Amino acid sequence: MPTQSQSSLLKVLLSSWNWKCAMMSATARSLVYLAAVARGGGHGAMAIVLVETGYVTMTAGIYAGLQQQALRLRMRWLGDLIIVAGVPLLSQSLDWLTHRLSGPPVAVRATIAVSIFALISAMFHLHVMRNGVFLSGQGRSLFHDFQRIPRLIAAFVARPVVVAVAMLSRAVRTAESEAAV
């Protein structure tokens, strides 16, 4: 029988569940696992993919809900850290434990591939959520969110280039001002 605090935590997690991200994460992560285990031809590959699909479908919405809640933190850097590091670390740890308990061993290659995917995915979640996309309870349809995705993907991919150009430009200006002295 769950305690009062366990029931309250469960209610908060379920009320924060983000169905949009749950659907997309389950599909994408399962494809990553399938690709990683298919290359190795590992024993029990389909069992691993089925466990991943079931587990992620149940949990990804909760994790995305936690990320969405982190957007509301007053200290933006803390919310960003929770979204990009905290939630993925929790997710990957529980994911590894789930696979460990389910029987078929997960190839190191698959674990590394999914961990890299989780980090990139978390950074992308931060980017799109900060731009108001894939948030549950906001009154926007999934179709509306998908309409905005091409521009958000372009901005996400271009971001490292924009940052690098800004840093280079700042370094050049600093060097020029020091040379003028």
C-alpha atoms as a PDB file:
ATOM      1  CA  MET A   1       0.000   0.000   0.000  1.00  0.00           C
ATOM      2  CA  PRO A   2       1.564   3.327  -1.064  1.00  0.00           C
ATOM      3  CA  THR A   3       2.118   5.983   1.566  1.00  0.00           C
ATOM      4  CA  GLN A   4       0.568   9.461   1.356  1.00  0.00           C
ATOM      5  CA  SER A   5       3.853  10.967   0.075  1.00  0.00           C
ATOM      6  CA  GLN A   6       4.233   8.216  -2.552  1.00  0.00           C
ATOM      7  CA  SER A   7       0.659   8.819  -3.729  1.00  0.00           C
ATOM      8  CA  SER A   8       1.296  12.561  -3.934  1.00  0.00           C
ATOM      9  CA  LEU A   9       4.491  12.029  -5.932  1.00  0.00           C
ATOM     10  CA  LEU A  10       2.686   9.664  -8.301  1.00  0.00           C
ATOM     11  CA  LYS A  11      -0.101  12.228  -8.826  1.00  0.00           C
ATOM     12  CA  VAL A  12       2.430  14.958  -9.618  1.00  0.00           C
ATOM     13  CA  LEU A  13       4.316  12.721 -12.062  1.00  0.00           C
ATOM     14  CA  LEU A  14       1.161  11.594 -13.843  1.00  0.00           C
ATOM     15  CA  SER A  15      -0.284  15.122 -13.998  1.00  0.00           C
ATOM     16  CA  SER A  16       2.976  16.325 -15.576  1.00  0.00           C
ATOM     17  CA  TRP A  17       3.079  13.495 -18.140  1.00  0.00           C
ATOM     18  CA  ASN A  18       3.939  14.885 -21.592  1.00  0.00           C
ATOM     19  CA  TRP A  19       2.284  12.630 -24.189  1.00  0.00           C
ATOM     20  CA  LYS A  20       3.851  14.431 -27.146  1.00  0.00           C
ATOM     21  CA  CYS A  21       7.394  13.683 -26.037  1.00  0.00           C
ATOM     22  CA  ALA A  22       6.460  10.188 -24.855  1.00  0.00           C
ATOM     23  CA  MET A  23       5.294   9.222 -28.326  1.00  0.00           C
ATOM     24  CA  MET A  24       8.297  10.710 -30.117  1.00  0.00           C
ATOM     25  CA  SER A  25      10.895   9.472 -27.639  1.00  0.00           C
ATOM     26  CA  ALA A  26       9.617   5.911 -27.657  1.00  0.00           C
ATOM     27  CA  THR A  27       9.722   5.811 -31.440  1.00  0.00           C
ATOM     28  CA  ALA A  28      13.130   7.455 -31.837  1.00  0.00           C
ATOM     29  CA  ARG A  29      14.937   5.640 -29.002  1.00  0.00           C
ATOM     30  CA  SER A  30      13.613   2.266 -30.071  1.00  0.00           C
ATOM     31  CA  LEU A  31      14.918   2.892 -33.592  1.00  0.00           C
ATOM     32  CA  VAL A  32      18.343   3.808 -32.166  1.00  0.00           C
ATOM     33  CA  TYR A  33      18.403   0.601 -30.111  1.00  0.00           C
ATOM     34  CA  LEU A  34      17.227  -1.449 -33.077  1.00  0.00           C
ATOM     35  CA  ALA A  35      19.967  -0.017 -35.301  1.00  0.00           C
ATOM     36  CA  ALA A  36      22.646  -0.555 -32.661  1.00  0.00           C
ATOM     37  CA  VAL A  37      21.715  -4.154 -31.848  1.00  0.00           C
ATOM     38  CA  ALA A  38      20.981  -5.091 -35.479  1.00  0.00           C
ATOM     39  CA  ARG A  39      24.531  -4.216 -36.534  1.00  0.00           C
ATOM     40  CA  GLY A  40      25.921  -6.513 -33.882  1.00  0.00           C
ATOM     41  CA  GLY A  41      23.413  -9.265 -34.614  1.00  0.00           C
ATOM     42  CA  GLY A  42      23.178  -9.739 -30.851  1.00  0.00           C
ATOM     43  CA  HIS A  43      21.214 -12.535 -29.260  1.00  0.00           C
ATOM     44  CA  GLY A  44      17.867 -11.319 -27.963  1.00  0.00           C
ATOM     45  CA  ALA A  45      17.946  -8.126 -30.043  1.00  0.00           C
ATOM     46  CA  MET A  46      14.174  -7.983 -30.488  1.00  0.00           C
ATOM     47  CA  ALA A  47      13.634  -8.543 -26.763  1.00  0.00           C
ATOM     48  CA  ILE A  48      15.886  -5.571 -26.034  1.00  0.00           C
ATOM     49  CA  VAL A  49      13.973  -3.389 -28.506  1.00  0.00           C
ATOM     50  CA  LEU A  50      10.599  -4.495 -27.080  1.00  0.00           C
ATOM     51  CA  VAL A  51      11.723  -3.761 -23.519  1.00  0.00           C
ATOM     52  CA  GLU A  52      12.998  -0.370 -24.663  1.00  0.00           C
ATOM     53  CA  THR A  53       9.736   0.460 -26.459  1.00  0.00           C
ATOM     54  CA  GLY A  54       7.573  -0.505 -23.512  1.00  0.00           C
ATOM     55  CA  TYR A  55       9.758   1.136 -20.907  1.00  0.00           C
ATOM     56  CA  VAL A  56      10.249   4.384 -22.819  1.00  0.00           C
ATOM     57  CA  THR A  57       6.576   4.673 -23.717  1.00  0.00           C
ATOM     58  CA  MET A  58       5.717   4.514 -20.026  1.00  0.00           C
ATOM     59  CA  THR A  59       8.467   6.801 -18.751  1.00  0.00           C
ATOM     60  CA  ALA A  60       9.384   9.329 -21.454  1.00  0.00           C
ATOM     61  CA  GLY A  61       6.255  11.358 -20.814  1.00  0.00           C
ATOM     62  CA  ILE A  62       7.147  11.625 -17.135  1.00  0.00           C
ATOM     63  CA  TYR A  63      10.720  12.654 -17.911  1.00  0.00           C
ATOM     64  CA  ALA A  64       9.547  15.264 -20.433  1.00  0.00           C
ATOM     65  CA  GLY A  65       7.038  16.485 -17.854  1.00  0.00           C
ATOM     66  CA  LEU A  66       9.884  16.924 -15.363  1.00  0.00           C
ATOM     67  CA  GLN A  67      11.831  18.813 -18.018  1.00  0.00           C
ATOM     68  CA  GLN A  68       8.788  21.001 -18.681  1.00  0.00           C
ATOM     69  CA  GLN A  69       8.484  21.717 -14.947  1.00  0.00           C
ATOM     70  CA  ALA A  70      12.190  22.670 -14.855  1.00  0.00           C
ATOM     71  CA  LEU A  71      11.457  25.440 -17.387  1.00  0.00           C
ATOM     72  CA  ARG A  72       9.588  27.258 -14.603  1.00  0.00           C
ATOM     73  CA  LEU A  73      12.535  27.461 -12.215  1.00  0.00           C
ATOM     74  CA  ARG A  74      13.549  30.986 -11.336  1.00  0.00           C
ATOM     75  CA  MET A  75      17.232  30.164 -11.831  1.00  0.00           C
ATOM     76  CA  ARG A  76      17.254  29.457 -15.558  1.00  0.00           C
ATOM     77  CA  TRP A  77      20.699  27.813 -15.444  1.00  0.00           C
ATOM     78  CA  LEU A  78      19.412  25.287 -12.892  1.00  0.00           C
ATOM     79  CA  GLY A  79      16.397  24.462 -15.044  1.00  0.00           C
ATOM     80  CA  ASP A  80      18.654  24.037 -18.068  1.00  0.00           C
ATOM     81  CA  LEU A  81      21.006  21.779 -16.083  1.00  0.00           C
ATOM     82  CA  ILE A  82      18.085  19.633 -14.912  1.00  0.00           C
ATOM     83  CA  ILE A  83      16.768  19.376 -18.484  1.00  0.00           C
ATOM     84  CA  VAL A  84      20.104  18.585 -20.150  1.00  0.00           C
ATOM     85  CA  ALA A  85      21.862  16.549 -17.436  1.00  0.00           C
ATOM     86  CA  GLY A  86      19.628  15.607 -14.515  1.00  0.00           C
ATOM     87  CA  VAL A  87      16.665  14.073 -16.307  1.00  0.00           C
ATOM     88  CA  PRO A  88      18.776  12.221 -18.918  1.00  0.00           C
ATOM     89  CA  LEU A  89      21.055  10.826 -16.190  1.00  0.00           C
ATOM     90  CA  LEU A  90      18.023   9.586 -14.245  1.00  0.00           C
ATOM     91  CA  SER A  91      16.473   8.216 -17.421  1.00  0.00           C
ATOM     92  CA  GLN A  92      19.617   6.412 -18.599  1.00  0.00           C
ATOM     93  CA  SER A  93      20.305   4.956 -15.152  1.00  0.00           C
ATOM     94  CA  LEU A  94      16.800   3.553 -14.825  1.00  0.00           C
ATOM     95  CA  ASP A  95      16.890   2.426 -18.461  1.00  0.00           C
ATOM     96  CA  TRP A  96      20.101   0.476 -17.852  1.00  0.00           C
ATOM     97  CA  LEU A  97      18.634  -1.068 -14.693  1.00  0.00           C
ATOM     98  CA  THR A  98      15.447  -2.058 -16.537  1.00  0.00           C
ATOM     99  CA  HIS A  99      17.433  -3.834 -19.244  1.00  0.00           C
ATOM    100  CA  ARG A 100      19.672  -5.439 -16.642  1.00  0.00           C
ATOM    101  CA  LEU A 101      16.664  -6.825 -14.761  1.00  0.00           C
ATOM    102  CA  SER A 102      14.783  -7.905 -17.901  1.00  0.00           C
ATOM    103  CA  GLY A 103      17.362 -10.518 -18.787  1.00  0.00           C
ATOM    104  CA  PRO A 104      18.932 -10.019 -22.201  1.00  0.00           C
ATOM    105  CA  PRO A 105      22.256  -8.231 -21.897  1.00  0.00           C
ATOM    106  CA  VAL A 106      22.488  -4.875 -23.602  1.00  0.00           C
ATOM    107  CA  ALA A 107      25.504  -4.405 -25.825  1.00  0.00           C
ATOM    108  CA  VAL A 108      27.910  -1.693 -24.734  1.00  0.00           C
ATOM    109  CA  ARG A 109      27.571  -0.224 -28.232  1.00  0.00           C
ATOM    110  CA  ALA A 110      23.802   0.145 -27.774  1.00  0.00           C
ATOM    111  CA  THR A 111      24.198   1.736 -24.335  1.00  0.00           C
ATOM    112  CA  ILE A 112      26.723   4.255 -25.668  1.00  0.00           C
ATOM    113  CA  ALA A 113      24.589   5.034 -28.739  1.00  0.00           C
ATOM    114  CA  VAL A 114      21.469   5.616 -26.658  1.00  0.00           C
ATOM    115  CA  SER A 115      23.389   7.719 -24.103  1.00  0.00           C
ATOM    116  CA  ILE A 116      24.724   9.984 -26.852  1.00  0.00           C
ATOM    117  CA  PHE A 117      21.257  10.176 -28.368  1.00  0.00           C
ATOM    118  CA  ALA A 118      19.796  11.038 -24.923  1.00  0.00           C
ATOM    119  CA  LEU A 119      22.237  13.933 -24.475  1.00  0.00           C
ATOM    120  CA  ILE A 120      21.548  15.378 -27.929  1.00  0.00           C
ATOM    121  CA  SER A 121      17.831  14.787 -27.455  1.00  0.00           C
ATOM    122  CA  ALA A 122      17.888  16.595 -24.096  1.00  0.00           C
ATOM    123  CA  MET A 123      19.647  19.586 -25.649  1.00  0.00           C
ATOM    124  CA  PHE A 124      17.058  19.604 -28.427  1.00  0.00           C
ATOM    125  CA  HIS A 125      14.216  19.297 -25.868  1.00  0.00           C
ATOM    126  CA  LEU A 126      15.623  22.325 -24.060  1.00  0.00           C
ATOM    127  CA  HIS A 127      15.780  24.250 -27.335  1.00  0.00           C
ATOM    128  CA  VAL A 128      12.258  23.439 -28.499  1.00  0.00           C
ATOM    129  CA  MET A 129      10.666  23.746 -25.061  1.00  0.00           C
ATOM    130  CA  ARG A 130      12.256  27.172 -24.541  1.00  0.00           C
ATOM    131  CA  ASN A 131      10.605  28.044 -27.877  1.00  0.00           C
ATOM    132  CA  GLY A 132       7.174  26.804 -26.736  1.00  0.00           C
ATOM    133  CA  VAL A 133       7.083  23.524 -28.700  1.00  0.00           C
ATOM    134  CA  PHE A 134       6.244  20.008 -27.457  1.00  0.00           C
ATOM    135  CA  LEU A 135       4.805  21.344 -24.225  1.00  0.00           C
ATOM    136  CA  SER A 136       1.735  19.594 -22.905  1.00  0.00           C
ATOM    137  CA  GLY A 137      -1.181  21.551 -21.524  1.00  0.00           C
ATOM    138  CA  GLN A 138      -0.397  24.628 -23.617  1.00  0.00           C
ATOM    139  CA  GLY A 139      -3.367  24.346 -25.971  1.00  0.00           C
ATOM    140  CA  ARG A 140      -1.300  23.777 -29.094  1.00  0.00           C
ATOM    141  CA  SER A 141      -1.769  20.686 -31.223  1.00  0.00           C
ATOM    142  CA  LEU A 142       0.992  18.258 -32.111  1.00  0.00           C
ATOM    143  CA  PHE A 143       0.429  19.288 -35.741  1.00  0.00           C
ATOM    144  CA  HIS A 144       1.144  22.933 -34.803  1.00  0.00           C
ATOM    145  CA  ASP A 145       4.325  21.833 -33.048  1.00  0.00           C
ATOM    146  CA  PHE A 146       5.460  19.843 -36.098  1.00  0.00           C
ATOM    147  CA  GLN A 147       4.892  22.884 -38.320  1.00  0.00           C
ATOM    148  CA  ARG A 148       7.476  24.786 -36.266  1.00  0.00           C
ATOM    149  CA  ILE A 149      10.042  21.977 -36.203  1.00  0.00           C
ATOM    150  CA  PRO A 150      11.913  22.673 -39.494  1.00  0.00           C
ATOM    151  CA  ARG A 151      12.902  26.175 -38.324  1.00  0.00           C
ATOM    152  CA  LEU A 152      13.754  24.933 -34.842  1.00  0.00           C
ATOM    153  CA  ILE A 153      15.924  22.126 -36.235  1.00  0.00           C
ATOM    154  CA  ALA A 154      17.732  24.615 -38.468  1.00  0.00           C
ATOM    155  CA  ALA A 155      18.321  26.941 -35.512  1.00  0.00           C
ATOM    156  CA  PHE A 156      19.495  24.034 -33.315  1.00  0.00           C
ATOM    157  CA  VAL A 157      21.946  22.776 -35.931  1.00  0.00           C
ATOM    158  CA  ALA A 158      23.175  26.307 -36.706  1.00  0.00           C
ATOM    159  CA  ARG A 159      23.623  27.228 -33.026  1.00  0.00           C
ATOM    160  CA  PRO A 160      27.203  25.894 -32.668  1.00  0.00           C
ATOM    161  CA  VAL A 161      28.216  27.806 -35.820  1.00  0.00           C
ATOM    162  CA  VAL A 162      26.574  31.011 -34.573  1.00  0.00           C
ATOM    163  CA  VAL A 163      28.310  30.684 -31.189  1.00  0.00           C
ATOM    164  CA  ALA A 164      31.685  29.954 -32.833  1.00  0.00           C
ATOM    165  CA  VAL A 165      31.369  32.954 -35.171  1.00  0.00           C
ATOM    166  CA  ALA A 166      30.410  35.220 -32.252  1.00  0.00           C
ATOM    167  CA  MET A 167      33.394  33.995 -30.204  1.00  0.00           C
ATOM    168  CA  LEU A 168      35.758  34.455 -33.151  1.00  0.00           C
ATOM    169  CA  SER A 169      34.366  37.918 -33.836  1.00  0.00           C
ATOM    170  CA  ARG A 170      34.819  38.886 -30.177  1.00  0.00           C
ATOM    171  CA  ALA A 171      38.411  37.561 -30.210  1.00  0.00           C
ATOM    172  CA  VAL A 172      39.206  39.548 -33.369  1.00  0.00           C
ATOM    173  CA  ARG A 173      37.753  42.751 -31.859  1.00  0.00           C
ATOM    174  CA  THR A 174      39.774  42.201 -28.678  1.00  0.00           C
ATOM    175  CA  ALA A 175      42.950  41.604 -30.649  1.00  0.00           C
ATOM    176  CA  GLU A 176      42.331  44.701 -32.782  1.00  0.00           C
ATOM    177  CA  SER A 177      41.697  46.910 -29.738  1.00  0.00           C
ATOM    178  CA  GLU A 178      44.829  45.599 -28.019  1.00  0.00           C
ATOM    179  CA  ALA A 179      46.863  46.202 -31.198  1.00  0.00           C
ATOM    180  CA  ALA A 180      45.568  49.788 -31.393  1.00  0.00           C
ATOM    181  CA  VAL A 181      46.842  50.572 -27.906  1.00  0.00           C
END
